[in-house]
Amino acid sequence: MEKPPSKSTGREITEKAVEVGLNLVPLVGGPLGVAFAYAVGFTYNRRMAQWLEDLAEAVDELADQVEGMDLESLAANDIFVDAVASATQAATRTHQALKIDALRNAVLNSALPGAPDSDTQLMFLRWIEDYTAAHLQILTLLNNPEAWYDQRGIPTKKDIIAGSRRQLVEEGIPEFASQREFTDVVVRDLSNAGLLRIDGLGGMVTGHGMYQAVTSELAAKFIAFITDPRKDGSPSST
């Protein structure tokens, strides 16, 4: 029997993976509690439906681009199922498009040959959920400042005698120019986690040095894991 047009193989695979351990909001308590639970459950279900639709489409697109990628076999791949289930739980707990994109990209990369081992994947997925969008943005910028600037049409200033990485971040992400205390906390978080090789954004460096990566090897692997692997995919959400 043929599948209905709206039910792609990618959609079936993602739905099967999501079935593992995911429950809807229970309708318990008095009338007010039930009404609240219903409202929350409606939003949850809407997020779930949108996430599944987008993820299924992305999985199908990736399968079309990767020779030999078997969607059916993914349903039996425990590492992929773990990634889908974990990413789905995280996706339904955020409205931030940037984090949702990162979660989708992580699932796509988990399906590819050479993907990180299961423990590393789960750690990376936990970072996406725990960190703010600002953490992901700043880490990605500092992992490859030139690529970040180039993707956004921002000219570099390598010819200046000296500058600071604070200047680099504030020009690369203008909305952070008025949030210095916040960005300092973000950088400390990333540094304490071993993802940055600097303790802060202060201090002067050469113009050329401003655009050098200051991320750890593990951070670079994390950025690769949350970057869209599709050939026609949009620039990384981060």
Protein backbone atom coordinates (compact mmCIF):
# COMPACT_ATOMS: atom_id res chain seq x y z
CA MET A 1 0.00 0.00 0.00
CA GLU A 2 1.37 3.39 -0.95
CA LYS A 3 1.90 6.03 1.72
CA PRO A 4 -0.32 9.11 1.47
CA PRO A 5 1.50 12.03 -0.21
CA SER A 6 1.73 13.99 3.06
CA LYS A 7 3.46 11.11 4.85
CA SER A 8 7.05 10.97 3.64
CA THR A 9 9.51 8.30 4.69
CA GLY A 10 11.44 10.95 6.58
CA ARG A 11 8.29 11.89 8.49
CA GLU A 12 7.60 8.25 9.40
CA ILE A 13 11.15 7.73 10.58
CA THR A 14 11.18 10.86 12.75
CA GLU A 15 7.77 10.05 14.22
CA LYS A 16 8.88 6.55 15.15
CA ALA A 17 11.96 7.95 16.86
CA VAL A 18 9.97 10.58 18.73
CA GLU A 19 7.60 7.94 20.14
CA VAL A 20 10.38 6.89 22.52
CA GLY A 21 9.57 8.34 25.92
CA LEU A 22 7.65 11.45 24.87
CA ASN A 23 4.33 12.20 26.63
CA LEU A 24 1.83 15.02 26.27
CA VAL A 25 0.80 17.34 29.12
CA PRO A 26 -1.61 15.39 31.39
CA LEU A 27 -5.06 16.87 31.98
CA VAL A 28 -5.32 16.68 35.76
CA GLY A 29 -6.61 18.92 38.54
CA GLY A 30 -9.57 21.29 38.76
CA PRO A 31 -11.25 23.19 35.90
CA LEU A 32 -8.63 25.99 35.92
CA GLY A 33 -5.81 23.47 35.95
CA VAL A 34 -7.38 21.53 33.09
CA ALA A 35 -7.86 24.70 31.05
CA PHE A 36 -4.25 25.70 31.65
CA ALA A 37 -2.97 22.24 30.81
CA TYR A 38 -5.05 22.26 27.63
CA ALA A 39 -3.63 25.63 26.59
CA VAL A 40 -0.07 24.53 27.29
CA GLY A 41 -0.69 21.21 25.59
CA PHE A 42 -2.03 22.99 22.50
CA THR A 43 1.14 25.06 22.21
CA TYR A 44 3.26 21.98 22.86
CA ASN A 45 1.46 20.00 20.17
CA ARG A 46 1.75 22.88 17.70
CA ARG A 47 5.49 23.07 18.33
CA MET A 48 5.78 19.31 18.01
CA ALA A 49 3.90 19.25 14.70
CA GLN A 50 6.00 22.07 13.24
CA TRP A 51 9.22 20.49 14.45
CA LEU A 52 8.34 17.10 12.98
CA GLU A 53 7.32 18.63 9.65
CA ASP A 54 10.54 20.65 9.35
CA LEU A 55 12.76 17.81 10.54
CA ALA A 56 11.17 15.27 8.21
CA GLU A 57 11.64 17.60 5.24
CA ALA A 58 15.27 18.16 6.20
CA VAL A 59 15.93 14.42 6.59
CA ASP A 60 14.40 13.73 3.16
CA GLU A 61 16.51 16.48 1.58
CA LEU A 62 19.68 15.12 3.17
CA ALA A 63 18.88 11.59 1.97
CA ASP A 64 18.55 12.90 -1.58
CA GLN A 65 22.02 14.43 -1.34
CA VAL A 66 23.92 11.65 0.44
CA GLU A 67 24.54 8.61 -1.74
CA GLY A 68 23.68 5.35 -0.03
CA MET A 69 21.84 6.94 2.89
CA ASP A 70 19.04 4.52 3.81
CA LEU A 71 16.19 6.16 5.68
CA GLU A 72 14.67 2.84 6.68
CA SER A 73 17.86 1.76 8.43
CA LEU A 74 17.87 4.95 10.48
CA ALA A 75 14.80 3.76 12.36
CA ALA A 76 16.91 0.86 13.69
CA ASN A 77 19.91 3.07 14.49
CA ASP A 78 19.86 3.57 18.26
CA ILE A 79 22.21 6.56 18.12
CA PHE A 80 20.01 8.34 15.58
CA VAL A 81 16.85 7.52 17.56
CA ASP A 82 18.48 8.90 20.72
CA ALA A 83 19.40 12.09 18.86
CA VAL A 84 15.88 12.57 17.49
CA ALA A 85 14.21 11.93 20.83
CA SER A 86 16.58 14.23 22.74
CA ALA A 87 16.40 16.98 20.13
CA THR A 88 12.61 16.77 20.01
CA GLN A 89 12.28 17.17 23.76
CA ALA A 90 14.57 20.20 23.62
CA ALA A 91 12.82 21.70 20.57
CA THR A 92 9.43 21.65 22.25
CA ARG A 93 10.88 23.57 25.20
CA THR A 94 12.06 26.60 23.22
CA HIS A 95 10.61 29.13 20.82
CA GLN A 96 14.01 30.39 19.64
CA ALA A 97 14.45 29.64 15.94
CA LEU A 98 18.22 29.68 16.22
CA LYS A 99 18.25 26.90 18.82
CA ILE A 100 15.63 24.90 16.91
CA ASP A 101 17.78 25.13 13.78
CA ALA A 102 20.81 23.95 15.76
CA LEU A 103 18.84 20.97 17.08
CA ARG A 104 17.65 20.07 13.57
CA ASN A 105 21.20 20.30 12.22
CA ALA A 106 22.44 18.08 15.05
CA VAL A 107 19.92 15.39 14.12
CA LEU A 108 20.93 15.58 10.47
CA ASN A 109 24.62 15.26 11.33
CA SER A 110 23.89 12.32 13.63
CA ALA A 111 22.60 10.43 10.58
CA LEU A 112 25.84 10.84 8.62
CA PRO A 113 28.89 8.58 8.51
CA GLY A 114 31.60 9.79 10.86
CA ALA A 115 29.14 11.32 13.31
CA PRO A 116 30.38 11.73 16.90
CA ASP A 117 29.86 8.80 19.27
CA SER A 118 26.63 8.55 21.24
CA ASP A 119 27.95 10.13 24.45
CA THR A 120 29.44 13.09 22.58
CA GLN A 121 26.23 13.62 20.64
CA LEU A 122 24.13 13.65 23.80
CA MET A 123 26.57 16.10 25.40
CA PHE A 124 26.35 18.38 22.35
CA LEU A 125 22.54 18.19 22.36
CA ARG A 126 22.51 19.08 26.06
CA TRP A 127 24.67 22.13 25.33
CA ILE A 128 22.22 23.32 22.67
CA GLU A 129 19.39 23.05 25.18
CA ASP A 130 21.24 24.54 28.15
CA TYR A 131 22.98 27.43 26.41
CA THR A 132 21.21 30.54 25.19
CA ALA A 133 21.12 31.58 21.55
CA ALA A 134 23.75 34.17 22.49
CA HIS A 135 26.14 31.43 23.65
CA LEU A 136 25.78 29.65 20.31
CA GLN A 137 26.23 32.86 18.34
CA ILE A 138 29.32 34.07 20.17
CA LEU A 139 30.94 30.63 20.12
CA THR A 140 30.35 30.30 16.37
CA LEU A 141 31.68 33.79 15.69
CA LEU A 142 34.84 33.17 17.72
CA ASN A 143 35.33 29.80 16.04
CA ASN A 144 35.66 31.42 12.60
CA PRO A 145 35.32 35.23 12.68
CA GLU A 146 36.12 35.66 8.99
CA ALA A 147 33.38 33.24 7.90
CA TRP A 148 30.88 34.90 10.26
CA TYR A 149 31.64 38.35 8.83
CA ASP A 150 31.66 37.10 5.25
CA GLN A 151 28.25 35.39 5.57
CA ARG A 152 26.76 38.65 6.83
CA GLY A 153 28.53 41.01 4.45
CA ILE A 154 30.49 42.73 7.22
CA PRO A 155 33.93 44.00 6.16
CA THR A 156 36.92 42.86 8.22
CA LYS A 157 39.52 45.29 9.59
CA LYS A 158 42.72 43.28 9.40
CA ASP A 159 44.65 46.36 8.38
CA ILE A 160 44.19 48.11 11.74
CA ILE A 161 47.18 48.14 14.07
CA ALA A 162 45.28 46.78 17.06
CA GLY A 163 41.79 46.03 18.29
CA SER A 164 39.93 43.87 20.78
CA ARG A 165 37.75 40.80 20.56
CA ARG A 166 35.01 42.81 22.24
CA GLN A 167 35.05 45.05 19.18
CA LEU A 168 35.00 41.92 17.01
CA VAL A 169 31.89 40.56 18.76
CA GLU A 170 30.04 43.88 18.89
CA GLU A 171 30.61 44.57 15.19
CA GLY A 172 29.75 40.98 14.27
CA ILE A 173 26.62 40.93 16.45
CA PRO A 174 25.57 44.61 16.80
CA GLU A 175 22.75 43.95 19.29
CA PHE A 176 25.37 42.91 21.86
CA ALA A 177 27.05 46.32 21.84
CA SER A 178 24.70 47.49 24.61
CA GLN A 179 24.86 44.22 26.58
CA ARG A 180 28.47 44.05 27.73
CA GLU A 181 27.77 42.53 31.14
CA PHE A 182 25.67 39.84 29.53
CA THR A 183 28.27 39.00 26.88
CA ASP A 184 30.97 38.85 29.56
CA VAL A 185 28.90 36.22 31.40
CA VAL A 186 28.41 34.28 28.17
CA VAL A 187 32.13 34.28 27.42
CA ARG A 188 32.95 33.15 30.98
CA ASP A 189 30.44 30.30 30.67
CA LEU A 190 32.03 29.13 27.43
CA SER A 191 35.55 29.51 28.82
CA ASN A 192 34.70 27.58 32.01
CA ALA A 193 33.27 24.79 29.86
CA GLY A 194 36.59 24.54 28.01
CA LEU A 195 35.13 25.76 24.73
CA LEU A 196 37.10 29.01 24.55
CA ARG A 197 40.83 29.55 25.00
CA ILE A 198 40.29 33.07 26.32
CA ASP A 199 38.89 34.27 29.64
CA GLY A 200 37.32 37.47 28.33
CA LEU A 201 36.91 39.83 25.40
CA GLY A 202 39.19 42.55 26.74
CA GLY A 203 42.83 43.16 25.87
CA MET A 204 44.35 44.38 22.64
CA VAL A 205 45.46 42.15 19.79
CA THR A 206 46.68 42.86 16.29
CA GLY A 207 44.15 43.47 13.55
CA HIS A 208 45.03 40.11 12.04
CA GLY A 209 44.92 38.40 15.42
CA MET A 210 41.35 39.57 16.01
CA TYR A 211 40.15 37.21 13.30
CA GLN A 212 41.95 34.11 14.55
CA ALA A 213 39.88 31.33 16.11
CA VAL A 214 40.05 31.16 19.90
CA THR A 215 37.91 28.06 20.35
CA SER A 216 39.01 24.64 21.58
CA GLU A 217 39.11 21.53 19.40
CA LEU A 218 35.97 20.27 21.13
CA ALA A 219 34.18 23.55 20.39
CA ALA A 220 35.06 23.23 16.70
CA LYS A 221 33.52 19.73 16.66
CA PHE A 222 30.42 21.07 18.39
CA ILE A 223 30.05 23.88 15.84
CA ALA A 224 30.40 21.37 13.00
CA PHE A 225 27.70 19.21 14.61
CA ILE A 226 25.18 22.07 14.73
CA THR A 227 25.93 23.33 11.22
CA ASP A 228 23.51 22.39 8.43
CA PRO A 229 25.16 19.59 6.39
CA ARG A 230 22.86 19.99 3.39
CA LYS A 231 24.47 21.41 0.26
CA ASP A 232 21.70 23.94 -0.21
CA GLY A 233 21.10 24.47 3.49
CA SER A 234 21.01 28.00 4.83
CA PRO A 235 24.03 29.29 6.76
CA SER A 236 24.37 27.80 10.21
CA SER A 237 21.67 28.97 12.55
CA THR A 238 24.38 29.99 14.86
